[in-house]
Protein backbone atom coordinates (compact mmCIF):
# COMPACT_ATOMS: atom_id res chain seq x y z
CA MET A 1 40.53 -26.59 -92.87
CA THR A 2 39.51 -26.68 -96.53
CA ILE A 3 38.63 -23.95 -98.95
CA LEU A 4 35.90 -24.36 -101.52
CA ALA A 5 37.56 -25.64 -104.66
CA ALA A 6 36.22 -22.76 -106.76
CA LEU A 7 37.74 -20.14 -104.44
CA ASN A 8 41.10 -21.84 -103.95
CA PRO A 9 42.80 -20.39 -107.09
CA ILE A 10 41.56 -16.90 -106.26
CA ILE A 11 42.74 -17.09 -102.66
CA THR A 12 46.03 -18.77 -103.60
CA PHE A 13 47.01 -16.12 -106.14
CA ALA A 14 45.62 -13.06 -104.33
CA HIS A 15 48.84 -12.65 -102.31
CA PRO A 16 51.25 -12.60 -105.28
CA LEU A 17 49.00 -10.28 -107.30
CA MET A 18 48.62 -7.88 -104.40
CA MET A 19 52.34 -7.89 -103.67
CA TRP A 20 53.23 -7.10 -107.30
CA MET A 21 50.88 -4.12 -107.13
CA LEU A 22 52.49 -3.06 -103.86
CA LEU A 23 55.95 -3.34 -105.41
CA GLY A 24 54.88 -0.83 -108.07
CA LEU A 25 53.32 1.38 -105.41
CA THR A 26 56.57 1.21 -103.42
CA VAL A 27 58.52 2.53 -106.41
CA TYR A 28 55.98 5.36 -106.71
CA ALA A 29 56.33 6.12 -102.98
CA MET A 30 60.10 6.33 -103.43
CA TYR A 31 59.63 8.77 -106.32
CA LEU A 32 57.36 10.90 -104.12
CA GLY A 33 59.91 10.77 -101.31
CA PHE A 34 62.63 12.04 -103.61
CA GLN A 35 60.29 14.85 -104.69
CA VAL A 36 59.68 15.75 -101.04
CA ARG A 37 63.44 15.91 -100.53
CA ARG A 38 63.80 18.02 -103.68
CA THR A 39 61.07 20.36 -102.42
CA ARG A 40 62.86 20.76 -99.09
CA SER A 41 66.07 21.95 -100.78
CA ALA A 42 64.48 24.06 -103.55
CA GLU A 43 64.28 27.83 -103.47
CA GLY A 44 62.14 30.60 -104.92
CA GLU A 45 59.65 29.85 -107.69
CA ASP A 46 60.88 26.25 -108.00
CA LYS A 47 59.98 25.65 -104.37
CA LYS A 48 56.55 27.24 -104.79
CA GLU A 49 55.81 25.02 -107.79
CA LEU A 50 56.97 21.88 -105.98
CA ILE A 51 54.90 22.76 -102.89
CA ARG A 52 51.82 23.18 -105.09
CA GLN A 53 52.20 19.56 -106.24
CA LYS A 54 51.74 18.35 -102.62
CA PHE A 55 54.39 15.63 -102.81
CA ASN A 56 54.61 15.54 -99.01
CA ALA A 57 50.91 14.74 -98.53
CA LYS A 58 50.95 12.19 -101.37
CA HIS A 59 54.05 10.48 -99.97
CA HIS A 60 52.48 10.30 -96.52
CA GLN A 61 49.20 8.87 -97.88
CA ILE A 62 50.89 6.28 -100.10
CA GLY A 63 53.25 5.34 -97.26
CA SER A 64 50.29 4.77 -94.92
CA LEU A 65 48.56 2.64 -97.54
CA LEU A 66 51.76 0.65 -98.11
CA LEU A 67 52.18 0.01 -94.39
CA ALA A 68 48.64 -1.32 -94.03
CA MET A 69 48.64 -3.36 -97.23
CA MET A 70 52.10 -4.83 -96.70
CA VAL A 71 51.19 -6.03 -93.21
CA LEU A 72 47.91 -7.49 -94.49
CA GLY A 73 49.70 -9.01 -97.50
CA ALA A 74 52.28 -10.72 -95.29
CA LEU A 75 49.60 -12.08 -92.98
CA GLY A 76 47.47 -13.14 -95.95
CA GLY A 77 50.36 -14.95 -97.61
CA MET A 78 51.08 -16.89 -94.43
CA ALA A 79 47.37 -17.63 -93.91
CA VAL A 80 46.90 -18.96 -97.45
CA THR A 81 50.04 -21.10 -97.16
CA TYR A 82 48.80 -22.53 -93.89
CA ILE A 83 45.27 -23.12 -95.20
CA ASN A 84 46.55 -24.89 -98.32
CA ASN A 85 49.30 -26.93 -96.63
CA GLN A 86 48.38 -27.10 -92.92
CA LYS A 87 51.83 -25.69 -92.19
CA LEU A 88 54.14 -22.79 -92.96
CA PHE A 89 57.37 -23.38 -94.82
CA LEU A 90 60.38 -21.82 -93.14
CA SER A 91 62.10 -20.26 -96.11
CA ALA A 92 64.10 -17.22 -97.13
CA HIS A 93 60.93 -15.86 -98.77
CA LEU A 94 59.01 -16.04 -95.49
CA LEU A 95 61.84 -14.59 -93.40
CA ALA A 96 62.49 -11.77 -95.85
CA GLY A 97 58.76 -10.97 -95.92
CA LEU A 98 58.69 -10.77 -92.13
CA GLY A 99 61.80 -8.57 -92.23
CA MET A 100 60.13 -6.27 -94.76
CA THR A 101 57.10 -6.00 -92.49
CA GLY A 102 59.37 -4.92 -89.65
CA MET A 103 61.27 -2.46 -91.85
CA ILE A 104 58.15 -0.70 -93.10
CA ALA A 105 56.75 -0.50 -89.55
CA VAL A 106 59.95 1.10 -88.23
CA SER A 107 60.16 3.39 -91.26
CA ALA A 108 56.59 4.62 -90.74
CA GLY A 109 57.22 4.94 -87.01
CA LEU A 110 59.95 7.49 -87.72
CA THR A 111 57.43 9.94 -89.21
CA PRO A 112 56.82 11.99 -86.04
CA LEU A 113 60.58 12.49 -85.59
CA MET A 114 61.02 13.51 -89.22
CA GLN A 115 58.15 15.98 -88.91
CA LYS A 116 60.10 17.61 -86.07
CA GLY A 117 63.14 17.97 -88.36
CA ASN A 118 65.22 15.06 -87.06
CA ASP A 119 67.71 14.37 -89.86
CA VAL A 120 68.95 11.09 -88.32
CA ALA A 121 65.39 9.74 -88.43
CA ARG A 122 65.10 10.96 -92.03
CA TYR A 123 68.30 9.16 -93.10
CA VAL A 124 67.28 5.97 -91.30
CA HIS A 125 63.85 6.20 -93.00
CA ILE A 126 65.47 6.57 -96.41
CA GLY A 127 67.99 3.80 -95.74
CA LEU A 128 65.35 1.37 -94.51
CA ASN A 129 63.17 2.05 -97.53
CA VAL A 130 66.01 1.58 -100.02
CA VAL A 131 66.82 -1.78 -98.40
CA LEU A 132 63.10 -2.60 -98.30
CA LEU A 133 62.74 -1.93 -102.02
CA GLY A 134 65.76 -4.13 -102.79
CA VAL A 135 64.41 -6.99 -100.68
CA PHE A 136 60.97 -6.47 -102.22
CA GLY A 137 62.44 -6.93 -105.70
CA TRP A 138 64.09 -10.14 -104.57
CA GLN A 139 60.79 -11.23 -102.98
CA ALA A 140 59.06 -10.75 -106.32
CA VAL A 141 61.49 -13.18 -107.97
CA THR A 142 61.28 -15.82 -105.24
CA GLY A 143 57.51 -15.38 -105.09
CA MET A 144 57.25 -16.14 -108.80
CA GLN A 145 59.32 -19.28 -108.24
CA ILE A 146 56.77 -20.33 -105.61
CA VAL A 147 53.90 -19.56 -108.00
CA GLN A 148 55.58 -21.67 -110.70
CA LYS A 149 55.95 -24.54 -108.21
CA ILE A 150 52.24 -24.29 -107.30
CA LEU A 151 51.23 -24.24 -110.97
CA SER A 152 53.37 -27.26 -111.78
CA ASN A 153 51.65 -29.33 -109.06
């Protein structure tokens, strides 16, 4: 399977560009999540002001977007690697990316339980997402090493 030479650079670098944007979006989602938590514990006028900012709805929307784009990004990265090399490389980057895909799926899957007030689900959601963000940061570094390797060839 070959890709038109003109499209190859675009396709090859679409995955890293998209993932860097998603890393930034993940940090924003975490900020929104902390604001949701702050809203939940606030009282009086502070609570009213925080509710008006609709952090809960924004967090839910960004989280849904992240779930979809992270799954597509992982599949796209594997597809491009396979198209360019006729094989996948078993590496820590690949395994961590698959782990991240699983973590975000489980995290999003906890939403109905959290909406019913399940604090265990909420703590697992937070814990998974903190680990996810840490692994994502590491993925960004290893991904840039892969990009440098591609550019040097």
